[in-house]
PDB file of N, CA and C in Angstrom:
ATOM      1  N   MET A   1     118.044  84.721 106.863  1.00  0.00           N
ATOM      2  CA  MET A   1     117.185  85.223 105.919  1.00  0.00           C
ATOM      3  C   MET A   1     117.103  86.372 105.385  1.00  0.00           C
ATOM      4  N   ASN A   2     117.072  86.910 104.146  1.00  0.00           N
ATOM      5  CA  ASN A   2     116.852  88.542 103.797  1.00  0.00           C
ATOM      6  C   ASN A   2     115.900  88.732 103.169  1.00  0.00           C
ATOM      7  N   TYR A   3     114.750  89.101 103.752  1.00  0.00           N
ATOM      8  CA  TYR A   3     113.389  89.457 102.979  1.00  0.00           C
ATOM      9  C   TYR A   3     113.489  90.382 102.078  1.00  0.00           C
ATOM     10  N   PHE A   4     112.803  90.406 100.752  1.00  0.00           N
ATOM     11  CA  PHE A   4     112.965  92.233 100.173  1.00  0.00           C
ATOM     12  C   PHE A   4     111.589  92.334 100.227  1.00  0.00           C
ATOM     13  N   HIS A   5     111.593  93.122 101.232  1.00  0.00           N
ATOM     14  CA  HIS A   5     110.273  93.906 101.952  1.00  0.00           C
ATOM     15  C   HIS A   5     110.209  95.073 100.744  1.00  0.00           C
ATOM     16  N   ASP A   6     111.008  95.487 100.491  1.00  0.00           N
ATOM     17  CA  ASP A   6     111.080  96.597  99.473  1.00  0.00           C
ATOM     18  C   ASP A   6     110.678  96.225  97.956  1.00  0.00           C
ATOM     19  N   VAL A   7     110.859  95.447  97.479  1.00  0.00           N
ATOM     20  CA  VAL A   7     110.289  94.796  96.196  1.00  0.00           C
ATOM     21  C   VAL A   7     109.160  94.859  96.607  1.00  0.00           C
ATOM     22  N   TYR A   8     108.347  94.078  97.556  1.00  0.00           N
ATOM     23  CA  TYR A   8     106.866  93.590  97.945  1.00  0.00           C
ATOM     24  C   TYR A   8     106.335  94.655  97.858  1.00  0.00           C
ATOM     25  N   LEU A   9     106.707  95.831  98.782  1.00  0.00           N
ATOM     26  CA  LEU A   9     105.952  97.084  99.103  1.00  0.00           C
ATOM     27  C   LEU A   9     106.102  97.648  97.668  1.00  0.00           C
ATOM     28  N   GLY A  10     107.396  98.089  97.106  1.00  0.00           N
ATOM     29  CA  GLY A  10     107.250  98.582  95.395  1.00  0.00           C
ATOM     30  C   GLY A  10     106.400  97.947  94.727  1.00  0.00           C
ATOM     31  N   PHE A  11     105.895  96.452  94.872  1.00  0.00           N
ATOM     32  CA  PHE A  11     104.731  95.932  94.085  1.00  0.00           C
ATOM     33  C   PHE A  11     103.698  96.489  94.363  1.00  0.00           C
ATOM     34  N   LEU A  12     103.147  96.544  95.547  1.00  0.00           N
ATOM     35  CA  LEU A  12     102.101  97.236  96.087  1.00  0.00           C
ATOM     36  C   LEU A  12     101.705  98.307  95.781  1.00  0.00           C
ATOM     37  N   ALA A  13     102.806  99.376  96.123  1.00  0.00           N
ATOM     38  CA  ALA A  13     103.030 100.766  95.384  1.00  0.00           C
ATOM     39  C   ALA A  13     102.808 100.884  93.919  1.00  0.00           C
ATOM     40  N   GLU A  14     102.947 100.090  93.089  1.00  0.00           N
ATOM     41  CA  GLU A  14     102.696 100.054  91.730  1.00  0.00           C
ATOM     42  C   GLU A  14     101.519  99.899  91.654  1.00  0.00           C
ATOM     43  N   GLN A  15     100.796  98.436  92.293  1.00  0.00           N
ATOM     44  CA  GLN A  15      99.263  98.199  92.043  1.00  0.00           C
ATOM     45  C   GLN A  15      98.334  99.020  92.375  1.00  0.00           C
ATOM     46  N   ILE A  16      98.985  99.944  93.143  1.00  0.00           N
ATOM     47  CA  ILE A  16      97.934 101.299  93.874  1.00  0.00           C
ATOM     48  C   ILE A  16      97.791 102.291  92.929  1.00  0.00           C
ATOM     49  N   ALA A  17      98.926 102.429  92.311  1.00  0.00           N
ATOM     50  CA  ALA A  17      99.158 103.404  90.925  1.00  0.00           C
ATOM     51  C   ALA A  17      98.414 102.967  90.094  1.00  0.00           C
ATOM     52  N   ARG A  18      98.634 101.890  89.744  1.00  0.00           N
ATOM     53  CA  ARG A  18      97.768 101.548  88.868  1.00  0.00           C
ATOM     54  C   ARG A  18      96.408 101.353  88.676  1.00  0.00           C
ATOM     55  N   GLN A  19      95.752 101.069  89.815  1.00  0.00           N
ATOM     56  CA  GLN A  19      94.578 100.672  89.871  1.00  0.00           C
ATOM     57  C   GLN A  19      94.025 102.096  90.244  1.00  0.00           C
ATOM     58  N   CYS A  20      94.841 103.651  90.412  1.00  0.00           N
ATOM     59  CA  CYS A  20      94.122 104.783  90.524  1.00  0.00           C
ATOM     60  C   CYS A  20      94.026 105.139  88.833  1.00  0.00           C
ATOM     61  N   GLU A  21      95.062 104.819  88.161  1.00  0.00           N
ATOM     62  CA  GLU A  21      94.747 105.343  87.021  1.00  0.00           C
ATOM     63  C   GLU A  21      94.032 104.635  86.359  1.00  0.00           C
ATOM     64  N   GLN A  22      93.506 103.758  86.467  1.00  0.00           N
ATOM     65  CA  GLN A  22      92.349 102.962  85.704  1.00  0.00           C
ATOM     66  C   GLN A  22      90.947 103.349  86.358  1.00  0.00           C
ATOM     67  N   MET A  23      90.855 103.660  87.583  1.00  0.00           N
ATOM     68  CA  MET A  23      89.642 104.517  88.186  1.00  0.00           C
ATOM     69  C   MET A  23      89.790 105.672  87.636  1.00  0.00           C
ATOM     70  N   SER A  24      90.567 106.407  87.608  1.00  0.00           N
ATOM     71  CA  SER A  24      90.505 108.040  86.939  1.00  0.00           C
ATOM     72  C   SER A  24      90.295 107.551  85.422  1.00  0.00           C
ATOM     73  N   ALA A  25      90.750 106.554  84.766  1.00  0.00           N
ATOM     74  CA  ALA A  25      89.703 106.576  83.525  1.00  0.00           C
ATOM     75  C   ALA A  25      88.473 106.147  83.314  1.00  0.00           C
ATOM     76  N   LEU A  26      88.240 105.449  84.409  1.00  0.00           N
ATOM     77  CA  LEU A  26      86.845 104.934  84.261  1.00  0.00           C
ATOM     78  C   LEU A  26      85.833 105.683  84.458  1.00  0.00           C
ATOM     79  N   LYS A  27      86.069 106.955  85.389  1.00  0.00           N
ATOM     80  CA  LYS A  27      85.357 108.046  86.109  1.00  0.00           C
ATOM     81  C   LYS A  27      85.394 109.195  85.084  1.00  0.00           C
ATOM     82  N   CYS A  28      86.375 109.122  84.031  1.00  0.00           N
ATOM     83  CA  CYS A  28      86.236 110.414  83.086  1.00  0.00           C
ATOM     84  C   CYS A  28      85.318 110.521  82.096  1.00  0.00           C
ATOM     85  N   SER A  29      84.408 111.457  82.161  1.00  0.00           N
ATOM     86  CA  SER A  29      82.896 111.163  81.243  1.00  0.00           C
ATOM     87  C   SER A  29      83.614 111.476  79.390  1.00  0.00           C
ATOM     88  N   ALA A  30      84.585 111.746  79.549  1.00  0.00           N
ATOM     89  CA  ALA A  30      85.082 111.894  77.878  1.00  0.00           C
ATOM     90  C   ALA A  30      85.441 110.476  77.425  1.00  0.00           C
ATOM     91  N   CYS A  31      86.277 110.000  78.494  1.00  0.00           N
ATOM     92  CA  CYS A  31      86.233 108.373  78.121  1.00  0.00           C
ATOM     93  C   CYS A  31      85.043 107.716  77.974  1.00  0.00           C
ATOM     94  N   GLU A  32      84.283 107.903  78.851  1.00  0.00           N
ATOM     95  CA  GLU A  32      82.749 107.308  78.254  1.00  0.00           C
ATOM     96  C   GLU A  32      82.147 107.786  77.148  1.00  0.00           C
ATOM     97  N   SER A  33      82.450 108.722  76.614  1.00  0.00           N
ATOM     98  CA  SER A  33      81.820 109.451  75.678  1.00  0.00           C
ATOM     99  C   SER A  33      82.837 109.300  74.368  1.00  0.00           C
ATOM    100  N   LYS A  34      83.941 108.207  74.560  1.00  0.00           N
ATOM    101  CA  LYS A  34      84.937 107.916  73.426  1.00  0.00           C
ATOM    102  C   LYS A  34      85.185 109.520  72.589  1.00  0.00           C
ATOM    103  N   ILE A  35      85.529 110.446  73.410  1.00  0.00           N
ATOM    104  CA  ILE A  35      85.792 111.715  73.029  1.00  0.00           C
ATOM    105  C   ILE A  35      87.510 111.716  72.687  1.00  0.00           C
ATOM    106  N   LYS A  36      88.222 112.176  71.384  1.00  0.00           N
ATOM    107  CA  LYS A  36      89.059 111.503  70.892  1.00  0.00           C
ATOM    108  C   LYS A  36      90.158 112.997  71.630  1.00  0.00           C
ATOM    109  N   SER A  37      89.585 114.252  72.016  1.00  0.00           N
ATOM    110  CA  SER A  37      90.915 114.769  72.132  1.00  0.00           C
ATOM    111  C   SER A  37      90.927 114.714  73.823  1.00  0.00           C
ATOM    112  N   PRO A  38      92.442 115.006  74.015  1.00  0.00           N
ATOM    113  CA  PRO A  38      93.178 114.900  75.463  1.00  0.00           C
ATOM    114  C   PRO A  38      92.713 116.144  76.202  1.00  0.00           C
ATOM    115  N   LEU A  39      92.741 117.000  75.505  1.00  0.00           N
ATOM    116  CA  LEU A  39      92.148 118.449  76.309  1.00  0.00           C
ATOM    117  C   LEU A  39      90.825 118.176  77.007  1.00  0.00           C
ATOM    118  N   LEU A  40      89.977 117.398  76.517  1.00  0.00           N
ATOM    119  CA  LEU A  40      88.682 117.274  77.259  1.00  0.00           C
ATOM    120  C   LEU A  40      88.349 116.239  78.245  1.00  0.00           C
ATOM    121  N   HIS A  41      89.791 115.577  78.231  1.00  0.00           N
ATOM    122  CA  HIS A  41      89.455 114.443  79.483  1.00  0.00           C
ATOM    123  C   HIS A  41      90.039 114.895  80.767  1.00  0.00           C
ATOM    124  N   ILE A  42      89.432 114.385  81.860  1.00  0.00           N
ATOM    125  CA  ILE A  42      89.755 115.032  83.114  1.00  0.00           C
ATOM    126  C   ILE A  42      91.059 114.144  83.683  1.00  0.00           C
ATOM    127  N   CYS A  43      91.116 112.714  82.925  1.00  0.00           N
ATOM    128  CA  CYS A  43      91.638 111.850  83.524  1.00  0.00           C
ATOM    129  C   CYS A  43      93.298 112.368  82.830  1.00  0.00           C
ATOM    130  N   HIS A  44      93.407 112.971  81.749  1.00  0.00           N
ATOM    131  CA  HIS A  44      94.671 113.443  81.437  1.00  0.00           C
ATOM    132  C   HIS A  44      95.130 114.668  82.044  1.00  0.00           C
ATOM    133  N   GLN A  45      94.327 115.198  82.292  1.00  0.00           N
ATOM    134  CA  GLN A  45      94.598 116.647  82.941  1.00  0.00           C
ATOM    135  C   GLN A  45      95.343 116.310  84.722  1.00  0.00           C
ATOM    136  N   ARG A  46      94.771 115.386  85.098  1.00  0.00           N
ATOM    137  CA  ARG A  46      95.137 115.117  86.309  1.00  0.00           C
ATOM    138  C   ARG A  46      96.398 114.570  86.378  1.00  0.00           C
ATOM    139  N   GLY A  47      97.292 114.975  86.947  1.00  0.00           N
ATOM    140  CA  GLY A  47      98.565 114.434  87.164  1.00  0.00           C
ATOM    141  C   GLY A  47      98.270 113.175  88.620  1.00  0.00           C
ATOM    142  N   LEU A  48      99.205 112.354  88.581  1.00  0.00           N
ATOM    143  CA  LEU A  48      99.425 111.370  89.196  1.00  0.00           C
ATOM    144  C   LEU A  48      99.149 111.434  90.562  1.00  0.00           C
ATOM    145  N   LEU A  49      99.734 112.313  91.621  1.00  0.00           N
ATOM    146  CA  LEU A  49      99.466 112.225  92.480  1.00  0.00           C
ATOM    147  C   LEU A  49      97.781 112.982  92.748  1.00  0.00           C
ATOM    148  N   GLU A  50      97.199 113.870  92.040  1.00  0.00           N
ATOM    149  CA  GLU A  50      95.996 113.999  92.271  1.00  0.00           C
ATOM    150  C   GLU A  50      95.331 112.724  92.152  1.00  0.00           C
ATOM    151  N   LYS A  51      95.546 112.039  91.238  1.00  0.00           N
ATOM    152  CA  LYS A  51      94.968 110.537  91.117  1.00  0.00           C
ATOM    153  C   LYS A  51      94.954 109.444  92.091  1.00  0.00           C
ATOM    154  N   LEU A  52      95.666 109.658  92.785  1.00  0.00           N
ATOM    155  CA  LEU A  52      96.210 108.961  94.131  1.00  0.00           C
ATOM    156  C   LEU A  52      95.234 109.217  95.194  1.00  0.00           C
ATOM    157  N   GLN A  53      95.591 110.791  95.124  1.00  0.00           N
ATOM    158  CA  GLN A  53      94.104 111.389  96.340  1.00  0.00           C
ATOM    159  C   GLN A  53      92.909 111.223  96.215  1.00  0.00           C
ATOM    160  N   ILE A  54      92.322 111.200  95.448  1.00  0.00           N
ATOM    161  CA  ILE A  54      91.465 111.083  94.781  1.00  0.00           C
ATOM    162  C   ILE A  54      90.764 109.494  94.878  1.00  0.00           C
ATOM    163  N   HIS A  55      91.548 108.716  94.514  1.00  0.00           N
ATOM    164  CA  HIS A  55      91.196 107.227  94.543  1.00  0.00           C
ATOM    165  C   HIS A  55      91.847 105.976  95.255  1.00  0.00           C
ATOM    166  N   PHE A  56      92.645 106.516  96.157  1.00  0.00           N
ATOM    167  CA  PHE A  56      93.887 106.115  96.988  1.00  0.00           C
ATOM    168  C   PHE A  56      92.416 105.255  98.108  1.00  0.00           C
ATOM    169  N   GLU A  57      92.063 105.901  98.801  1.00  0.00           N
ATOM    170  CA  GLU A  57      90.942 104.943  99.626  1.00  0.00           C
ATOM    171  C   GLU A  57      90.064 103.732  98.914  1.00  0.00           C
ATOM    172  N   HIS A  58      89.681 104.226  97.706  1.00  0.00           N
ATOM    173  CA  HIS A  58      88.632 103.099  97.009  1.00  0.00           C
ATOM    174  C   HIS A  58      89.699 102.103  96.623  1.00  0.00           C
ATOM    175  N   VAL A  59      90.992 102.002  96.280  1.00  0.00           N
ATOM    176  CA  VAL A  59      91.814 100.931  96.091  1.00  0.00           C
ATOM    177  C   VAL A  59      92.345 100.431  97.070  1.00  0.00           C
ATOM    178  N   ARG A  60      92.950 101.106  98.163  1.00  0.00           N
ATOM    179  CA  ARG A  60      93.110 100.080  99.750  1.00  0.00           C
ATOM    180  C   ARG A  60      92.310  99.257 100.155  1.00  0.00           C
ATOM    181  N   GLY A  61      90.923  99.832 100.263  1.00  0.00           N
ATOM    182  CA  GLY A  61      90.073  98.742 100.748  1.00  0.00           C
ATOM    183  C   GLY A  61      90.140  97.502 100.220  1.00  0.00           C
ATOM    184  N   PRO A  62      89.983  97.311  98.717  1.00  0.00           N
ATOM    185  CA  PRO A  62      90.072  95.971  98.503  1.00  0.00           C
ATOM    186  C   PRO A  62      91.367  95.260  98.620  1.00  0.00           C
ATOM    187  N   MET A  63      92.539  96.235  98.534  1.00  0.00           N
ATOM    188  CA  MET A  63      93.521  95.389  98.660  1.00  0.00           C
ATOM    189  C   MET A  63      94.017  94.673  99.965  1.00  0.00           C
ATOM    190  N   LEU A  64      93.754  95.553 100.861  1.00  0.00           N
ATOM    191  CA  LEU A  64      93.496  94.985 102.176  1.00  0.00           C
ATOM    192  C   LEU A  64      93.276  93.414 102.315  1.00  0.00           C
ATOM    193  N   THR A  65      91.749  93.138 101.834  1.00  0.00           N
ATOM    194  CA  THR A  65      91.206  92.360 101.935  1.00  0.00           C
ATOM    195  C   THR A  65      91.974  91.001 101.055  1.00  0.00           C
ATOM    196  N   ASP A  66      92.498  91.390  99.784  1.00  0.00           N
ATOM    197  CA  ASP A  66      92.893  90.388  98.800  1.00  0.00           C
ATOM    198  C   ASP A  66      94.342  90.535  98.729  1.00  0.00           C
ATOM    199  N   ILE A  67      94.826  90.807  99.935  1.00  0.00           N
ATOM    200  CA  ILE A  67      96.387  91.284 100.353  1.00  0.00           C
ATOM    201  C   ILE A  67      97.379  89.779  99.942  1.00  0.00           C
ATOM    202  N   GLU A  68      96.442  88.582 100.219  1.00  0.00           N
ATOM    203  CA  GLU A  68      97.596  87.381  99.628  1.00  0.00           C
ATOM    204  C   GLU A  68      97.080  87.082  98.549  1.00  0.00           C
ATOM    205  N   VAL A  69      96.339  87.533  97.599  1.00  0.00           N
ATOM    206  CA  VAL A  69      96.268  87.115  96.230  1.00  0.00           C
ATOM    207  C   VAL A  69      97.560  87.855  95.910  1.00  0.00           C
ATOM    208  N   TYR A  70      97.774  89.421  96.224  1.00  0.00           N
ATOM    209  CA  TYR A  70      99.001  89.883  95.391  1.00  0.00           C
ATOM    210  C   TYR A  70      99.965  89.373  95.965  1.00  0.00           C
ATOM    211  N   TYR A  71     100.262  88.936  97.503  1.00  0.00           N
ATOM    212  CA  TYR A  71     101.368  88.231  97.607  1.00  0.00           C
ATOM    213  C   TYR A  71     101.735  87.017  96.621  1.00  0.00           C
ATOM    214  N   ASP A  72     100.532  86.235  96.415  1.00  0.00           N
ATOM    215  CA  ASP A  72     100.649  85.142  95.461  1.00  0.00           C
ATOM    216  C   ASP A  72     101.203  85.259  93.880  1.00  0.00           C
ATOM    217  N   GLN A  73     100.819  86.734  93.385  1.00  0.00           N
ATOM    218  CA  GLN A  73     101.522  87.094  92.044  1.00  0.00           C
ATOM    219  C   GLN A  73     103.072  87.629  92.190  1.00  0.00           C
ATOM    220  N   VAL A  74     103.312  88.069  93.108  1.00  0.00           N
ATOM    221  CA  VAL A  74     104.915  88.397  93.306  1.00  0.00           C
ATOM    222  C   VAL A  74     105.653  87.304  94.006  1.00  0.00           C
ATOM    223  N   GLN A  75     105.084  86.108  94.686  1.00  0.00           N
ATOM    224  CA  GLN A  75     106.165  85.257  95.640  1.00  0.00           C
ATOM    225  C   GLN A  75     107.268  84.606  94.987  1.00  0.00           C
ATOM    226  N   GLU A  76     107.032  84.131  93.734  1.00  0.00           N
ATOM    227  CA  GLU A  76     107.946  83.516  92.861  1.00  0.00           C
ATOM    228  C   GLU A  76     109.322  84.228  92.794  1.00  0.00           C
ATOM    229  N   LEU A  77     108.881  85.720  92.867  1.00  0.00           N
ATOM    230  CA  LEU A  77     110.124  86.595  92.608  1.00  0.00           C
ATOM    231  C   LEU A  77     110.758  87.280  93.848  1.00  0.00           C
ATOM    232  N   LEU A  78     110.278  86.482  95.114  1.00  0.00           N
ATOM    233  CA  LEU A  78     111.173  87.234  96.173  1.00  0.00           C
ATOM    234  C   LEU A  78     111.860  86.049  96.866  1.00  0.00           C
ATOM    235  N   PRO A  79     112.471  86.197  97.785  1.00  0.00           N
ATOM    236  CA  PRO A  79     113.767  85.254  98.256  1.00  0.00           C
ATOM    237  C   PRO A  79     112.817  84.437  99.519  1.00  0.00           C
ATOM    238  N   HIS A  80     112.693  83.215  99.868  1.00  0.00           N
ATOM    239  CA  HIS A  80     112.293  82.481 100.841  1.00  0.00           C
ATOM    240  C   HIS A  80     113.231  81.668 101.547  1.00  0.00           C
ATOM    241  N   SER A  81     112.633  81.346 102.784  1.00  0.00           N
ATOM    242  CA  SER A  81     113.436  80.307 103.688  1.00  0.00           C
ATOM    243  C   SER A  81     113.120  78.820 103.252  1.00  0.00           C
ATOM    244  N   ASP A  82     113.329  77.914 104.010  1.00  0.00           N
ATOM    245  CA  ASP A  82     112.884  77.058 103.897  1.00  0.00           C
ATOM    246  C   ASP A  82     111.552  76.478 104.544  1.00  0.00           C
ATOM    247  N   ASN A  83     110.501  77.324 104.938  1.00  0.00           N
ATOM    248  CA  ASN A  83     109.215  77.454 105.586  1.00  0.00           C
ATOM    249  C   ASN A  83     108.309  78.407 104.698  1.00  0.00           C
ATOM    250  N   PRO A  84     107.973  78.124 103.648  1.00  0.00           N
ATOM    251  CA  PRO A  84     106.911  78.870 103.105  1.00  0.00           C
ATOM    252  C   PRO A  84     105.790  79.463 103.384  1.00  0.00           C
ATOM    253  N   LEU A  85     105.210  78.775 104.514  1.00  0.00           N
ATOM    254  CA  LEU A  85     104.200  79.452 105.583  1.00  0.00           C
ATOM    255  C   LEU A  85     104.557  80.617 106.163  1.00  0.00           C
ATOM    256  N   LYS A  86     105.939  80.817 106.453  1.00  0.00           N
ATOM    257  CA  LYS A  86     106.668  81.658 107.463  1.00  0.00           C
ATOM    258  C   LYS A  86     106.947  82.874 106.803  1.00  0.00           C
ATOM    259  N   ASP A  87     107.152  82.301 105.470  1.00  0.00           N
ATOM    260  CA  ASP A  87     107.559  83.641 104.378  1.00  0.00           C
ATOM    261  C   ASP A  87     106.252  84.125 104.012  1.00  0.00           C
ATOM    262  N   LYS A  88     105.395  83.472 103.531  1.00  0.00           N
ATOM    263  CA  LYS A  88     103.914  84.028 103.285  1.00  0.00           C
ATOM    264  C   LYS A  88     103.367  84.724 104.160  1.00  0.00           C
ATOM    265  N   ASN A  89     103.256  84.478 105.587  1.00  0.00           N
ATOM    266  CA  ASN A  89     102.759  85.561 106.588  1.00  0.00           C
ATOM    267  C   ASN A  89     103.612  86.576 106.806  1.00  0.00           C
ATOM    268  N   ASN A  90     105.239  86.513 106.845  1.00  0.00           N
ATOM    269  CA  ASN A  90     106.132  87.554 106.983  1.00  0.00           C
ATOM    270  C   ASN A  90     105.735  88.731 105.668  1.00  0.00           C
ATOM    271  N   TYR A  91     105.501  88.146 104.921  1.00  0.00           N
ATOM    272  CA  TYR A  91     105.288  89.171 103.433  1.00  0.00           C
ATOM    273  C   TYR A  91     103.697  89.487 103.835  1.00  0.00           C
ATOM    274  N   VAL A  92     103.010  88.807 103.873  1.00  0.00           N
ATOM    275  CA  VAL A  92     101.468  89.093 103.933  1.00  0.00           C
ATOM    276  C   VAL A  92     101.183  90.345 105.258  1.00  0.00           C
ATOM    277  N   ASN A  93     101.954  90.358 106.323  1.00  0.00           N
ATOM    278  CA  ASN A  93     101.965  90.876 107.391  1.00  0.00           C
ATOM    279  C   ASN A  93     102.277  92.524 107.322  1.00  0.00           C
ATOM    280  N   ALA A  94     103.763  92.183 106.502  1.00  0.00           N
ATOM    281  CA  ALA A  94     104.223  93.528 106.151  1.00  0.00           C
ATOM    282  C   ALA A  94     103.674  93.926 105.120  1.00  0.00           C
ATOM    283  N   GLY A  95     102.995  93.635 104.142  1.00  0.00           N
ATOM    284  CA  GLY A  95     102.126  94.479 103.330  1.00  0.00           C
ATOM    285  C   GLY A  95     100.773  94.877 104.267  1.00  0.00           C
ATOM    286  N   ARG A  96     100.031  93.971 104.601  1.00  0.00           N
ATOM    287  CA  ARG A  96      99.204  94.519 105.515  1.00  0.00           C
ATOM    288  C   ARG A  96      99.046  95.728 106.248  1.00  0.00           C
ATOM    289  N   LEU A  97     100.113  95.589 107.026  1.00  0.00           N
ATOM    290  CA  LEU A  97     100.336  96.879 107.992  1.00  0.00           C
ATOM    291  C   LEU A  97     100.706  97.864 106.940  1.00  0.00           C
ATOM    292  N   TRP A  98     101.726  97.678 106.096  1.00  0.00           N
ATOM    293  CA  TRP A  98     102.032  99.312 105.184  1.00  0.00           C
ATOM    294  C   TRP A  98     100.752  99.743 104.736  1.00  0.00           C
ATOM    295  N   LEU A  99      99.853  98.963 104.054  1.00  0.00           N
ATOM    296  CA  LEU A  99      98.625  99.454 103.504  1.00  0.00           C
ATOM    297  C   LEU A  99      97.998 100.090 104.434  1.00  0.00           C
ATOM    298  N   GLN A 100      97.669  99.822 105.749  1.00  0.00           N
ATOM    299  CA  GLN A 100      97.096 100.154 106.582  1.00  0.00           C
ATOM    300  C   GLN A 100      97.642 101.718 107.378  1.00  0.00           C
ATOM    301  N   MET A 101      99.047 102.031 107.199  1.00  0.00           N
ATOM    302  CA  MET A 101      99.817 102.768 107.514  1.00  0.00           C
ATOM    303  C   MET A 101      99.782 103.925 106.117  1.00  0.00           C
ATOM    304  N   CYS A 102      99.395 103.568 105.385  1.00  0.00           N
ATOM    305  CA  CYS A 102      99.906 104.085 104.160  1.00  0.00           C
ATOM    306  C   CYS A 102      98.788 105.572 103.650  1.00  0.00           C
ATOM    307  N   SER A 103      99.475 106.568 102.773  1.00  0.00           N
ATOM    308  CA  SER A 103      99.007 107.132 102.315  1.00  0.00           C
ATOM    309  C   SER A 103      99.039 107.378 100.947  1.00  0.00           C
ATOM    310  N   ALA A 104      97.868 108.147  99.865  1.00  0.00           N
ATOM    311  CA  ALA A 104      98.622 108.532  98.606  1.00  0.00           C
ATOM    312  C   ALA A 104      99.862 109.317  98.534  1.00  0.00           C
ATOM    313  N   GLU A 105     100.048 109.913  99.247  1.00  0.00           N
ATOM    314  CA  GLU A 105     101.451 110.796  99.690  1.00  0.00           C
ATOM    315  C   GLU A 105     102.762 109.988  99.858  1.00  0.00           C
ATOM    316  N   ILE A 106     102.170 108.798 100.582  1.00  0.00           N
ATOM    317  CA  ILE A 106     103.623 108.157 101.092  1.00  0.00           C
ATOM    318  C   ILE A 106     103.668 106.798  99.607  1.00  0.00           C
ATOM    319  N   VAL A 107     102.551 106.729  99.018  1.00  0.00           N
ATOM    320  CA  VAL A 107     102.708 106.138  97.575  1.00  0.00           C
ATOM    321  C   VAL A 107     103.775 107.081  96.569  1.00  0.00           C
ATOM    322  N   PHE A 108     103.261 107.976  96.610  1.00  0.00           N
ATOM    323  CA  PHE A 108     103.706 109.052  95.563  1.00  0.00           C
ATOM    324  C   PHE A 108     105.280 109.267  95.921  1.00  0.00           C
ATOM    325  N   TYR A 109     105.288 109.686  97.071  1.00  0.00           N
ATOM    326  CA  TYR A 109     106.808 110.297  97.424  1.00  0.00           C
ATOM    327  C   TYR A 109     107.748 109.368  97.865  1.00  0.00           C
ATOM    328  N   GLY A 110     107.191 108.305  98.280  1.00  0.00           N
ATOM    329  CA  GLY A 110     108.122 107.174  99.115  1.00  0.00           C
ATOM    330  C   GLY A 110     109.502 106.803  98.651  1.00  0.00           C
ATOM    331  N   ARG A 111     108.848 106.609  97.196  1.00  0.00           N
ATOM    332  CA  ARG A 111     110.336 106.108  96.275  1.00  0.00           C
ATOM    333  C   ARG A 111     110.592 104.543  96.571  1.00  0.00           C
ATOM    334  N   TYR A 112     109.322 103.756  96.656  1.00  0.00           N
ATOM    335  CA  TYR A 112     109.444 102.390  96.594  1.00  0.00           C
ATOM    336  C   TYR A 112     109.737 101.717  95.463  1.00  0.00           C
ATOM    337  N   ILE A 113     109.583 102.612  94.478  1.00  0.00           N
ATOM    338  CA  ILE A 113     110.130 101.725  93.098  1.00  0.00           C
ATOM    339  C   ILE A 113     111.542 102.268  92.942  1.00  0.00           C
ATOM    340  N   ASN A 114     112.237 101.734  92.489  1.00  0.00           N
ATOM    341  CA  ASN A 114     113.979 102.180  91.838  1.00  0.00           C
ATOM    342  C   ASN A 114     114.450 101.066  90.996  1.00  0.00           C
ATOM    343  N   GLU A 115     115.539 101.496  90.477  1.00  0.00           N
ATOM    344  CA  GLU A 115     115.991 100.670  89.364  1.00  0.00           C
ATOM    345  C   GLU A 115     116.305  99.281  90.061  1.00  0.00           C
ATOM    346  N   PHE A 116     116.499  99.184  91.110  1.00  0.00           N
ATOM    347  CA  PHE A 116     116.988  97.778  91.670  1.00  0.00           C
ATOM    348  C   PHE A 116     115.561  96.726  91.593  1.00  0.00           C
ATOM    349  N   ASN A 117     114.475  97.361  92.145  1.00  0.00           N
ATOM    350  CA  ASN A 117     113.476  96.366  92.100  1.00  0.00           C
ATOM    351  C   ASN A 117     112.341  96.450  91.385  1.00  0.00           C
ATOM    352  N   HIS A 118     112.710  97.573  89.905  1.00  0.00           N
ATOM    353  CA  HIS A 118     111.580  97.666  89.260  1.00  0.00           C
ATOM    354  C   HIS A 118     111.646  96.728  88.357  1.00  0.00           C
ATOM    355  N   SER A 119     112.980  95.917  88.196  1.00  0.00           N
ATOM    356  CA  SER A 119     112.503  94.623  87.356  1.00  0.00           C
ATOM    357  C   SER A 119     111.698  93.657  87.486  1.00  0.00           C
ATOM    358  N   PHE A 120     112.119  93.321  89.236  1.00  0.00           N
ATOM    359  CA  PHE A 120     111.028  92.321  89.841  1.00  0.00           C
ATOM    360  C   PHE A 120     109.479  92.769  89.692  1.00  0.00           C
ATOM    361  N   ILE A 121     109.201  93.909  89.927  1.00  0.00           N
ATOM    362  CA  ILE A 121     107.759  94.473  90.244  1.00  0.00           C
ATOM    363  C   ILE A 121     107.421  94.195  88.210  1.00  0.00           C
ATOM    364  N   ASP A 122     108.149  94.851  87.398  1.00  0.00           N
ATOM    365  CA  ASP A 122     107.682  94.685  86.180  1.00  0.00           C
ATOM    366  C   ASP A 122     107.718  93.003  85.630  1.00  0.00           C
ATOM    367  N   ARG A 123     108.431  92.177  86.327  1.00  0.00           N
ATOM    368  CA  ARG A 123     108.094  91.018  85.683  1.00  0.00           C
ATOM    369  C   ARG A 123     106.837  90.662  86.290  1.00  0.00           C
ATOM    370  N   ALA A 124     106.798  90.623  87.550  1.00  0.00           N
ATOM    371  CA  ALA A 124     105.461  90.040  88.431  1.00  0.00           C
ATOM    372  C   ALA A 124     104.226  90.827  87.518  1.00  0.00           C
ATOM    373  N   PHE A 125     104.104  92.138  87.125  1.00  0.00           N
ATOM    374  CA  PHE A 125     103.151  92.181  86.242  1.00  0.00           C
ATOM    375  C   PHE A 125     103.031  91.714  84.969  1.00  0.00           C
ATOM    376  N   LYS A 126     104.255  91.292  84.448  1.00  0.00           N
ATOM    377  CA  LYS A 126     103.851  90.839  82.851  1.00  0.00           C
ATOM    378  C   LYS A 126     103.006  89.279  83.019  1.00  0.00           C
ATOM    379  N   LYS A 127     103.314  88.569  84.186  1.00  0.00           N
ATOM    380  CA  LYS A 127     102.615  87.010  84.373  1.00  0.00           C
ATOM    381  C   LYS A 127     101.261  86.994  83.784  1.00  0.00           C
TER     382      LYS A 127
END
């Protein structure tokens, strides 16, 4: 059985990036005040790496708690053996271990998303 850990880890990396982007917008005073000019929005001034560095720990904790929920979101796009419980344990444990060892820089520089797995990951977010 060939597991697509790179697809699953790419999905988790994308999830982290999206949640950090959302947190950045939620904590932006210009967004709260509905100011139109992007020059006054701290969420527009910061790059993705900076947003990851600021919000990563706030995102990772809940993701570790809900790791099985994230697997459920993407499971139908992943290859499986004839033992669904074994498959779930394999993917969930790999995701949990990766999240425990992960950092903002690993998400940003790790190239977990590529042309091959992007189509799988994109489909998981469209569900």
